[in-house]
Amino acid sequence: MVIIIMGVCGSGKTTIGEKLSEVMNIRFMEGDSFHSETNIKKMSMGEPLTEKEREPWLKSIRKEIDRNLEQRIQCVTTCSALSRKSRGILGTNRAEIKLIYLYAFQSILMNRMAKRKNHFMPADLLRSQFEVLEEPELSEALHVPVDMPAQEVTDFIIQE
């Protein structure tokens, strides 16, 4: 099984993904680590990526997901997966993949992003992510509100 934690920037994908992998004692993959230097530089300057620029990034995550599935390695990975096309590239419709959508009001996430340090993604890009976001259907993903402490979010996911 591969668990994909999705959502806009600031929703807690890394925090929840790390906690979940620790509790479940499975591998953790940070989706941002698959970005090219060019993409990171662009986002650092406050410019959103286009679908075309996201595609190689998504394909590299998909390749690693597929490798984990083939080798029967359970893992949690993070990826914004904002659009239906993005989720299609990742192959989230497969039975071996559990998609978890973290969500909160934009104001809550903006406050979180303003407080975080050492992250390439500036808070200004949050608006553009909401503009691109195509929320998954309830049948596609577990929808998890993240306006509560990270441990409660993790516990909620484990119980589902």
N, C-alpha and C. Protein backbone atom coordinates (compact mmCIF):
# COMPACT_ATOMS: atom_id res chain seq x y z
N MET A 1 0.84 -1.18 0.00
CA MET A 1 0.00 0.00 0.00
C MET A 1 0.88 1.24 0.00
N VAL A 2 0.44 2.24 -0.77
CA VAL A 2 1.07 3.55 -0.78
C VAL A 2 0.01 4.56 -0.37
N ILE A 3 0.35 5.39 0.59
CA ILE A 3 -0.54 6.46 1.03
C ILE A 3 0.01 7.76 0.45
N ILE A 4 -0.83 8.49 -0.24
CA ILE A 4 -0.44 9.79 -0.78
C ILE A 4 -1.19 10.86 -0.01
N ILE A 5 -0.42 11.76 0.61
CA ILE A 5 -0.98 12.88 1.34
C ILE A 5 -0.98 14.08 0.39
N MET A 6 -2.15 14.61 0.08
CA MET A 6 -2.27 15.72 -0.87
C MET A 6 -2.90 16.94 -0.22
N GLY A 7 -2.70 18.09 -0.86
CA GLY A 7 -3.31 19.33 -0.41
C GLY A 7 -2.45 20.51 -0.84
N VAL A 8 -2.96 21.69 -0.63
CA VAL A 8 -2.22 22.90 -0.99
C VAL A 8 -1.07 23.10 -0.01
N CYS A 9 -0.18 24.03 -0.36
CA CYS A 9 0.95 24.32 0.52
C CYS A 9 0.43 24.80 1.87
N GLY A 10 1.13 24.41 2.92
CA GLY A 10 0.76 24.81 4.26
C GLY A 10 -0.28 23.93 4.92
N SER A 11 -0.78 22.92 4.21
CA SER A 11 -1.83 22.05 4.79
C SER A 11 -1.25 21.01 5.74
N GLY A 12 0.06 20.88 5.78
CA GLY A 12 0.68 19.95 6.73
C GLY A 12 1.05 18.61 6.13
N LYS A 13 1.21 18.55 4.82
CA LYS A 13 1.51 17.27 4.17
C LYS A 13 2.75 16.60 4.76
N THR A 14 3.83 17.36 4.90
CA THR A 14 5.07 16.78 5.42
C THR A 14 4.93 16.38 6.88
N THR A 15 4.39 17.26 7.68
CA THR A 15 4.22 16.97 9.12
C THR A 15 3.37 15.72 9.32
N ILE A 16 2.23 15.66 8.66
CA ILE A 16 1.32 14.52 8.82
C ILE A 16 1.93 13.27 8.19
N GLY A 17 2.55 13.42 7.03
CA GLY A 17 3.19 12.28 6.37
C GLY A 17 4.28 11.65 7.23
N GLU A 18 5.11 12.49 7.83
CA GLU A 18 6.18 11.98 8.71
C GLU A 18 5.60 11.28 9.93
N LYS A 19 4.59 11.91 10.55
CA LYS A 19 3.96 11.29 11.74
C LYS A 19 3.31 9.96 11.38
N LEU A 20 2.60 9.94 10.26
CA LEU A 20 1.92 8.73 9.82
C LEU A 20 2.92 7.61 9.54
N SER A 21 4.00 7.93 8.85
CA SER A 21 4.99 6.90 8.54
C SER A 21 5.66 6.39 9.81
N GLU A 22 5.85 7.27 10.77
CA GLU A 22 6.46 6.87 12.03
C GLU A 22 5.53 5.93 12.81
N VAL A 23 4.26 6.32 12.93
CA VAL A 23 3.27 5.51 13.65
C VAL A 23 3.08 4.15 12.98
N MET A 24 3.05 4.16 11.65
CA MET A 24 2.81 2.92 10.90
C MET A 24 4.10 2.13 10.64
N ASN A 25 5.23 2.76 10.97
CA ASN A 25 6.55 2.15 10.76
C ASN A 25 6.77 1.77 9.29
N ILE A 26 6.49 2.74 8.41
CA ILE A 26 6.69 2.54 6.98
C ILE A 26 7.50 3.70 6.42
N ARG A 27 7.98 3.55 5.22
CA ARG A 27 8.84 4.53 4.56
C ARG A 27 8.10 5.85 4.34
N PHE A 28 8.86 6.96 4.37
CA PHE A 28 8.31 8.28 4.07
C PHE A 28 9.05 8.86 2.87
N MET A 29 8.31 9.39 1.91
CA MET A 29 8.89 10.07 0.75
C MET A 29 8.35 11.49 0.69
N GLU A 30 9.23 12.46 0.69
CA GLU A 30 8.85 13.87 0.58
C GLU A 30 8.75 14.24 -0.89
N GLY A 31 7.55 14.52 -1.34
CA GLY A 31 7.33 14.84 -2.75
C GLY A 31 8.13 16.04 -3.24
N ASP A 32 8.32 17.02 -2.38
CA ASP A 32 9.09 18.21 -2.79
C ASP A 32 10.52 17.87 -3.17
N SER A 33 11.05 16.78 -2.65
CA SER A 33 12.44 16.40 -2.97
C SER A 33 12.60 15.95 -4.42
N PHE A 34 11.48 15.73 -5.10
CA PHE A 34 11.51 15.31 -6.51
C PHE A 34 11.49 16.50 -7.47
N HIS A 35 11.32 17.71 -6.94
CA HIS A 35 11.30 18.91 -7.79
C HIS A 35 12.68 19.18 -8.37
N SER A 36 12.71 19.69 -9.59
CA SER A 36 13.96 20.12 -10.19
C SER A 36 14.41 21.43 -9.54
N GLU A 37 15.70 21.73 -9.66
CA GLU A 37 16.21 23.00 -9.14
C GLU A 37 15.52 24.17 -9.81
N THR A 38 15.21 24.01 -11.09
CA THR A 38 14.54 25.08 -11.84
C THR A 38 13.16 25.37 -11.25
N ASN A 39 12.41 24.31 -10.94
CA ASN A 39 11.08 24.49 -10.35
C ASN A 39 11.18 25.15 -8.97
N ILE A 40 12.12 24.67 -8.15
CA ILE A 40 12.27 25.24 -6.81
C ILE A 40 12.64 26.71 -6.89
N LYS A 41 13.54 27.04 -7.80
CA LYS A 41 13.95 28.43 -7.97
C LYS A 41 12.75 29.29 -8.38
N LYS A 42 11.96 28.79 -9.32
CA LYS A 42 10.80 29.53 -9.80
C LYS A 42 9.80 29.78 -8.66
N MET A 43 9.50 28.72 -7.91
CA MET A 43 8.55 28.87 -6.80
C MET A 43 9.11 29.78 -5.71
N SER A 44 10.41 29.70 -5.47
CA SER A 44 11.05 30.55 -4.46
C SER A 44 10.89 32.03 -4.79
N MET A 45 10.80 32.32 -6.09
CA MET A 45 10.62 33.70 -6.53
C MET A 45 9.14 34.10 -6.55
N GLY A 46 8.27 33.21 -6.06
CA GLY A 46 6.85 33.52 -5.97
C GLY A 46 6.06 33.26 -7.24
N GLU A 47 6.65 32.50 -8.16
CA GLU A 47 5.96 32.20 -9.43
C GLU A 47 5.39 30.78 -9.38
N PRO A 48 4.09 30.63 -9.63
CA PRO A 48 3.51 29.29 -9.62
C PRO A 48 3.97 28.48 -10.83
N LEU A 49 4.02 27.18 -10.66
CA LEU A 49 4.37 26.29 -11.77
C LEU A 49 3.16 26.10 -12.68
N THR A 50 3.45 25.87 -13.94
CA THR A 50 2.40 25.52 -14.88
C THR A 50 2.19 24.01 -14.84
N GLU A 51 1.09 23.55 -15.43
CA GLU A 51 0.85 22.10 -15.51
C GLU A 51 2.01 21.41 -16.23
N LYS A 52 2.50 22.04 -17.28
CA LYS A 52 3.62 21.47 -18.05
C LYS A 52 4.88 21.35 -17.19
N GLU A 53 5.13 22.33 -16.34
CA GLU A 53 6.30 22.28 -15.46
C GLU A 53 6.13 21.26 -14.34
N ARG A 54 4.91 21.01 -13.94
CA ARG A 54 4.65 20.03 -12.88
C ARG A 54 4.79 18.59 -13.38
N GLU A 55 4.54 18.38 -14.66
CA GLU A 55 4.45 17.03 -15.20
C GLU A 55 5.69 16.16 -14.95
N PRO A 56 6.92 16.63 -15.25
CA PRO A 56 8.09 15.77 -14.98
C PRO A 56 8.24 15.44 -13.50
N TRP A 57 7.89 16.39 -12.65
CA TRP A 57 7.93 16.18 -11.20
C TRP A 57 6.95 15.06 -10.82
N LEU A 58 5.73 15.14 -11.31
CA LEU A 58 4.72 14.13 -11.01
C LEU A 58 5.12 12.76 -11.54
N LYS A 59 5.70 12.74 -12.73
CA LYS A 59 6.14 11.46 -13.32
C LYS A 59 7.26 10.83 -12.51
N SER A 60 8.14 11.64 -11.94
CA SER A 60 9.22 11.07 -11.12
C SER A 60 8.67 10.51 -9.81
N ILE A 61 7.67 11.17 -9.24
CA ILE A 61 7.01 10.62 -8.04
C ILE A 61 6.30 9.33 -8.40
N ARG A 62 5.59 9.32 -9.53
CA ARG A 62 4.88 8.12 -9.98
C ARG A 62 5.85 6.95 -10.14
N LYS A 63 7.01 7.21 -10.71
CA LYS A 63 8.00 6.15 -10.91
C LYS A 63 8.41 5.53 -9.56
N GLU A 64 8.60 6.37 -8.56
CA GLU A 64 8.98 5.87 -7.24
C GLU A 64 7.81 5.15 -6.57
N ILE A 65 6.60 5.65 -6.75
CA ILE A 65 5.42 4.97 -6.21
C ILE A 65 5.31 3.57 -6.84
N ASP A 66 5.45 3.51 -8.15
CA ASP A 66 5.37 2.23 -8.85
C ASP A 66 6.44 1.26 -8.36
N ARG A 67 7.64 1.76 -8.16
CA ARG A 67 8.73 0.92 -7.66
C ARG A 67 8.38 0.35 -6.27
N ASN A 68 7.83 1.20 -5.41
CA ASN A 68 7.42 0.73 -4.08
C ASN A 68 6.33 -0.33 -4.17
N LEU A 69 5.37 -0.11 -5.05
CA LEU A 69 4.29 -1.09 -5.21
C LEU A 69 4.83 -2.42 -5.75
N GLU A 70 5.71 -2.35 -6.74
CA GLU A 70 6.29 -3.57 -7.31
C GLU A 70 7.09 -4.35 -6.27
N GLN A 71 7.79 -3.63 -5.41
CA GLN A 71 8.62 -4.29 -4.39
C GLN A 71 7.87 -4.52 -3.08
N ARG A 72 6.57 -4.22 -3.10
CA ARG A 72 5.71 -4.40 -1.92
C ARG A 72 6.25 -3.65 -0.69
N ILE A 73 6.74 -2.44 -0.94
CA ILE A 73 7.22 -1.57 0.12
C ILE A 73 6.11 -0.59 0.44
N GLN A 74 5.64 -0.62 1.67
CA GLN A 74 4.61 0.33 2.07
C GLN A 74 5.26 1.67 2.34
N CYS A 75 4.58 2.73 1.93
CA CYS A 75 5.15 4.05 2.16
C CYS A 75 4.06 5.12 2.18
N VAL A 76 4.46 6.25 2.74
CA VAL A 76 3.66 7.46 2.72
C VAL A 76 4.44 8.45 1.88
N THR A 77 3.77 9.10 0.94
CA THR A 77 4.42 10.14 0.15
C THR A 77 3.55 11.38 0.14
N THR A 78 4.21 12.51 0.00
CA THR A 78 3.50 13.78 -0.07
C THR A 78 3.55 14.31 -1.49
N CYS A 79 2.47 14.92 -1.90
CA CYS A 79 2.41 15.55 -3.22
C CYS A 79 1.17 16.42 -3.24
N SER A 80 1.30 17.64 -3.70
CA SER A 80 0.13 18.52 -3.71
C SER A 80 -1.01 17.92 -4.51
N ALA A 81 -0.72 17.30 -5.66
CA ALA A 81 -1.74 16.61 -6.47
C ALA A 81 -3.01 17.44 -6.61
N LEU A 82 -2.85 18.70 -6.95
CA LEU A 82 -3.96 19.64 -6.92
C LEU A 82 -5.02 19.41 -7.99
N SER A 83 -4.63 18.94 -9.15
CA SER A 83 -5.59 18.78 -10.25
C SER A 83 -5.91 17.31 -10.50
N ARG A 84 -7.02 17.09 -11.18
CA ARG A 84 -7.38 15.72 -11.56
C ARG A 84 -6.30 15.13 -12.47
N LYS A 85 -5.77 15.96 -13.36
CA LYS A 85 -4.70 15.51 -14.25
C LYS A 85 -3.49 15.06 -13.44
N SER A 86 -3.13 15.82 -12.43
CA SER A 86 -1.99 15.45 -11.57
C SER A 86 -2.23 14.09 -10.91
N ARG A 87 -3.42 13.91 -10.40
CA ARG A 87 -3.74 12.64 -9.72
C ARG A 87 -3.77 11.50 -10.72
N GLY A 88 -4.17 11.80 -11.97
CA GLY A 88 -4.13 10.79 -13.03
C GLY A 88 -2.70 10.36 -13.32
N ILE A 89 -1.80 11.32 -13.40
CA ILE A 89 -0.38 11.00 -13.64
C ILE A 89 0.16 10.14 -12.51
N LEU A 90 -0.21 10.45 -11.27
CA LEU A 90 0.24 9.67 -10.12
C LEU A 90 -0.41 8.28 -10.05
N GLY A 91 -1.53 8.11 -10.71
CA GLY A 91 -2.23 6.83 -10.67
C GLY A 91 -2.95 6.58 -9.36
N THR A 92 -3.56 7.64 -8.82
CA THR A 92 -4.20 7.52 -7.51
C THR A 92 -5.47 6.69 -7.51
N ASN A 93 -5.95 6.30 -8.69
CA ASN A 93 -7.18 5.52 -8.76
C ASN A 93 -6.95 4.02 -8.53
N ARG A 94 -5.71 3.62 -8.31
CA ARG A 94 -5.40 2.20 -8.10
C ARG A 94 -5.77 1.76 -6.68
N ALA A 95 -6.20 0.52 -6.57
CA ALA A 95 -6.64 -0.03 -5.28
C ALA A 95 -5.53 -0.03 -4.23
N GLU A 96 -4.27 -0.11 -4.66
CA GLU A 96 -3.15 -0.18 -3.72
C GLU A 96 -2.76 1.19 -3.18
N ILE A 97 -3.45 2.23 -3.63
CA ILE A 97 -3.12 3.59 -3.21
C ILE A 97 -4.28 4.18 -2.43
N LYS A 98 -3.93 4.76 -1.28
CA LYS A 98 -4.92 5.47 -0.47
C LYS A 98 -4.57 6.95 -0.55
N LEU A 99 -5.51 7.74 -1.03
CA LEU A 99 -5.32 9.18 -1.17
C LEU A 99 -5.96 9.89 0.01
N ILE A 100 -5.19 10.77 0.63
CA ILE A 100 -5.67 11.54 1.78
C ILE A 100 -5.54 13.01 1.45
N TYR A 101 -6.66 13.71 1.51
CA TYR A 101 -6.72 15.13 1.16
C TYR A 101 -6.80 15.96 2.44
N LEU A 102 -5.76 16.74 2.71
CA LEU A 102 -5.73 17.63 3.86
C LEU A 102 -6.27 19.00 3.44
N TYR A 103 -7.20 19.54 4.22
CA TYR A 103 -7.79 20.82 3.84
C TYR A 103 -8.07 21.70 5.06
N ALA A 104 -8.08 23.00 4.80
CA ALA A 104 -8.44 24.01 5.81
C ALA A 104 -8.74 25.31 5.08
N PHE A 105 -9.30 26.26 5.79
CA PHE A 105 -9.54 27.57 5.20
C PHE A 105 -8.21 28.21 4.81
N GLN A 106 -8.25 28.99 3.76
CA GLN A 106 -7.04 29.65 3.26
C GLN A 106 -6.40 30.53 4.34
N SER A 107 -7.19 31.19 5.16
CA SER A 107 -6.64 32.06 6.22
C SER A 107 -5.82 31.27 7.24
N ILE A 108 -6.27 30.10 7.58
CA ILE A 108 -5.54 29.24 8.54
C ILE A 108 -4.20 28.84 7.93
N LEU A 109 -4.23 28.43 6.67
CA LEU A 109 -3.00 27.99 6.01
C LEU A 109 -2.04 29.15 5.79
N MET A 110 -2.56 30.33 5.50
CA MET A 110 -1.71 31.51 5.32
C MET A 110 -0.96 31.81 6.62
N ASN A 111 -1.66 31.71 7.75
CA ASN A 111 -1.01 31.93 9.05
C ASN A 111 0.10 30.91 9.29
N ARG A 112 -0.16 29.67 8.97
CA ARG A 112 0.86 28.62 9.13
C ARG A 112 2.09 28.92 8.28
N MET A 113 1.84 29.27 7.03
CA MET A 113 2.94 29.51 6.11
C MET A 113 3.78 30.71 6.53
N ALA A 114 3.15 31.71 7.11
CA ALA A 114 3.87 32.89 7.55
C ALA A 114 4.84 32.55 8.69
N LYS A 115 4.52 31.51 9.46
CA LYS A 115 5.34 31.12 10.61
C LYS A 115 6.46 30.14 10.27
N ARG A 116 6.35 29.43 9.15
CA ARG A 116 7.35 28.40 8.87
C ARG A 116 8.63 29.02 8.31
N LYS A 117 9.72 28.35 8.61
CA LYS A 117 11.03 28.83 8.20
C LYS A 117 11.71 27.79 7.31
N ASN A 118 12.64 28.26 6.51
CA ASN A 118 13.45 27.37 5.67
C ASN A 118 12.65 26.54 4.69
N HIS A 119 11.64 27.14 4.10
CA HIS A 119 10.88 26.44 3.06
C HIS A 119 10.90 27.32 1.82
N PHE A 120 11.09 26.68 0.66
CA PHE A 120 11.22 27.44 -0.58
C PHE A 120 9.92 28.10 -1.05
N MET A 121 8.79 27.62 -0.58
CA MET A 121 7.49 28.08 -1.08
C MET A 121 7.01 29.29 -0.28
N PRO A 122 6.96 30.47 -0.90
CA PRO A 122 6.47 31.65 -0.18
C PRO A 122 4.94 31.61 -0.01
N ALA A 123 4.47 32.25 1.04
CA ALA A 123 3.04 32.26 1.35
C ALA A 123 2.21 32.83 0.20
N ASP A 124 2.80 33.71 -0.61
CA ASP A 124 2.08 34.32 -1.72
C ASP A 124 1.56 33.29 -2.73
N LEU A 125 2.20 32.13 -2.79
CA LEU A 125 1.78 31.12 -3.78
C LEU A 125 0.53 30.34 -3.34
N LEU A 126 0.13 30.52 -2.09
CA LEU A 126 -1.04 29.78 -1.61
C LEU A 126 -2.28 30.10 -2.44
N ARG A 127 -2.49 31.37 -2.76
CA ARG A 127 -3.66 31.75 -3.55
C ARG A 127 -3.69 31.02 -4.89
N SER A 128 -2.53 30.95 -5.56
CA SER A 128 -2.47 30.29 -6.87
C SER A 128 -2.76 28.79 -6.73
N GLN A 129 -2.37 28.21 -5.61
CA GLN A 129 -2.66 26.78 -5.41
C GLN A 129 -4.16 26.55 -5.24
N PHE A 130 -4.82 27.44 -4.52
CA PHE A 130 -6.28 27.32 -4.38
C PHE A 130 -6.97 27.50 -5.73
N GLU A 131 -6.41 28.35 -6.59
CA GLU A 131 -7.01 28.56 -7.91
C GLU A 131 -6.91 27.31 -8.78
N VAL A 132 -5.84 26.55 -8.62
CA VAL A 132 -5.61 25.34 -9.42
C VAL A 132 -6.32 24.12 -8.81
N LEU A 133 -6.57 24.16 -7.51
CA LEU A 133 -7.11 23.01 -6.79
C LEU A 133 -8.44 22.53 -7.35
N GLU A 134 -8.48 21.24 -7.66
CA GLU A 134 -9.71 20.54 -7.99
C GLU A 134 -9.86 19.47 -6.92
N GLU A 135 -10.68 19.78 -5.93
CA GLU A 135 -10.81 18.86 -4.80
C GLU A 135 -11.23 17.47 -5.27
N PRO A 136 -10.64 16.44 -4.68
CA PRO A 136 -11.05 15.09 -5.05
C PRO A 136 -12.45 14.79 -4.50
N GLU A 137 -13.14 13.93 -5.18
CA GLU A 137 -14.45 13.48 -4.71
C GLU A 137 -14.26 12.68 -3.42
N LEU A 138 -15.29 12.59 -2.62
CA LEU A 138 -15.23 11.80 -1.38
C LEU A 138 -14.93 10.33 -1.69
N SER A 139 -15.33 9.87 -2.85
CA SER A 139 -15.06 8.48 -3.24
C SER A 139 -13.59 8.27 -3.64
N GLU A 140 -12.88 9.36 -3.94
CA GLU A 140 -11.47 9.28 -4.36
C GLU A 140 -10.49 9.35 -3.21
N ALA A 141 -10.87 10.11 -2.17
CA ALA A 141 -9.91 10.41 -1.11
C ALA A 141 -10.60 10.54 0.24
N LEU A 142 -9.83 10.27 1.27
CA LEU A 142 -10.26 10.56 2.63
C LEU A 142 -10.03 12.06 2.84
N HIS A 143 -11.09 12.81 3.11
CA HIS A 143 -10.98 14.25 3.35
C HIS A 143 -10.75 14.48 4.84
N VAL A 144 -9.65 15.17 5.15
CA VAL A 144 -9.26 15.36 6.55
C VAL A 144 -9.05 16.84 6.84
N PRO A 145 -9.86 17.40 7.75
CA PRO A 145 -9.65 18.80 8.12
C PRO A 145 -8.37 18.93 8.95
N VAL A 146 -7.61 19.98 8.68
CA VAL A 146 -6.34 20.13 9.40
C VAL A 146 -6.34 21.39 10.27
N ASP A 147 -7.52 21.73 10.78
CA ASP A 147 -7.62 22.86 11.69
C ASP A 147 -7.58 22.39 13.14
N MET A 148 -6.89 21.27 13.36
CA MET A 148 -6.69 20.70 14.70
C MET A 148 -5.23 20.30 14.81
N PRO A 149 -4.75 19.97 16.01
CA PRO A 149 -3.34 19.59 16.17
C PRO A 149 -2.96 18.39 15.30
N ALA A 150 -1.69 18.36 14.89
CA ALA A 150 -1.19 17.31 13.99
C ALA A 150 -1.44 15.91 14.53
N GLN A 151 -1.30 15.72 15.85
CA GLN A 151 -1.52 14.39 16.41
C GLN A 151 -2.96 13.94 16.23
N GLU A 152 -3.90 14.87 16.36
CA GLU A 152 -5.32 14.54 16.16
C GLU A 152 -5.59 14.20 14.70
N VAL A 153 -4.95 14.91 13.80
CA VAL A 153 -5.09 14.62 12.37
C VAL A 153 -4.58 13.21 12.08
N THR A 154 -3.40 12.91 12.61
CA THR A 154 -2.79 11.58 12.41
C THR A 154 -3.69 10.49 12.98
N ASP A 155 -4.19 10.71 14.20
CA ASP A 155 -5.08 9.73 14.84
C ASP A 155 -6.34 9.51 14.00
N PHE A 156 -6.89 10.58 13.47
CA PHE A 156 -8.09 10.50 12.63
C PHE A 156 -7.82 9.62 11.41
N ILE A 157 -6.68 9.84 10.76
CA ILE A 157 -6.33 9.07 9.56
C ILE A 157 -6.15 7.59 9.92
N ILE A 158 -5.46 7.31 11.00
CA ILE A 158 -5.21 5.92 11.42
C ILE A 158 -6.55 5.21 11.69
N GLN A 159 -7.50 5.91 12.30
CA GLN A 159 -8.79 5.32 12.64
C GLN A 159 -9.63 5.03 11.42
N GLU A 160 -9.39 5.76 10.33
CA GLU A 160 -10.16 5.53 9.11
C GLU A 160 -9.54 4.39 8.38
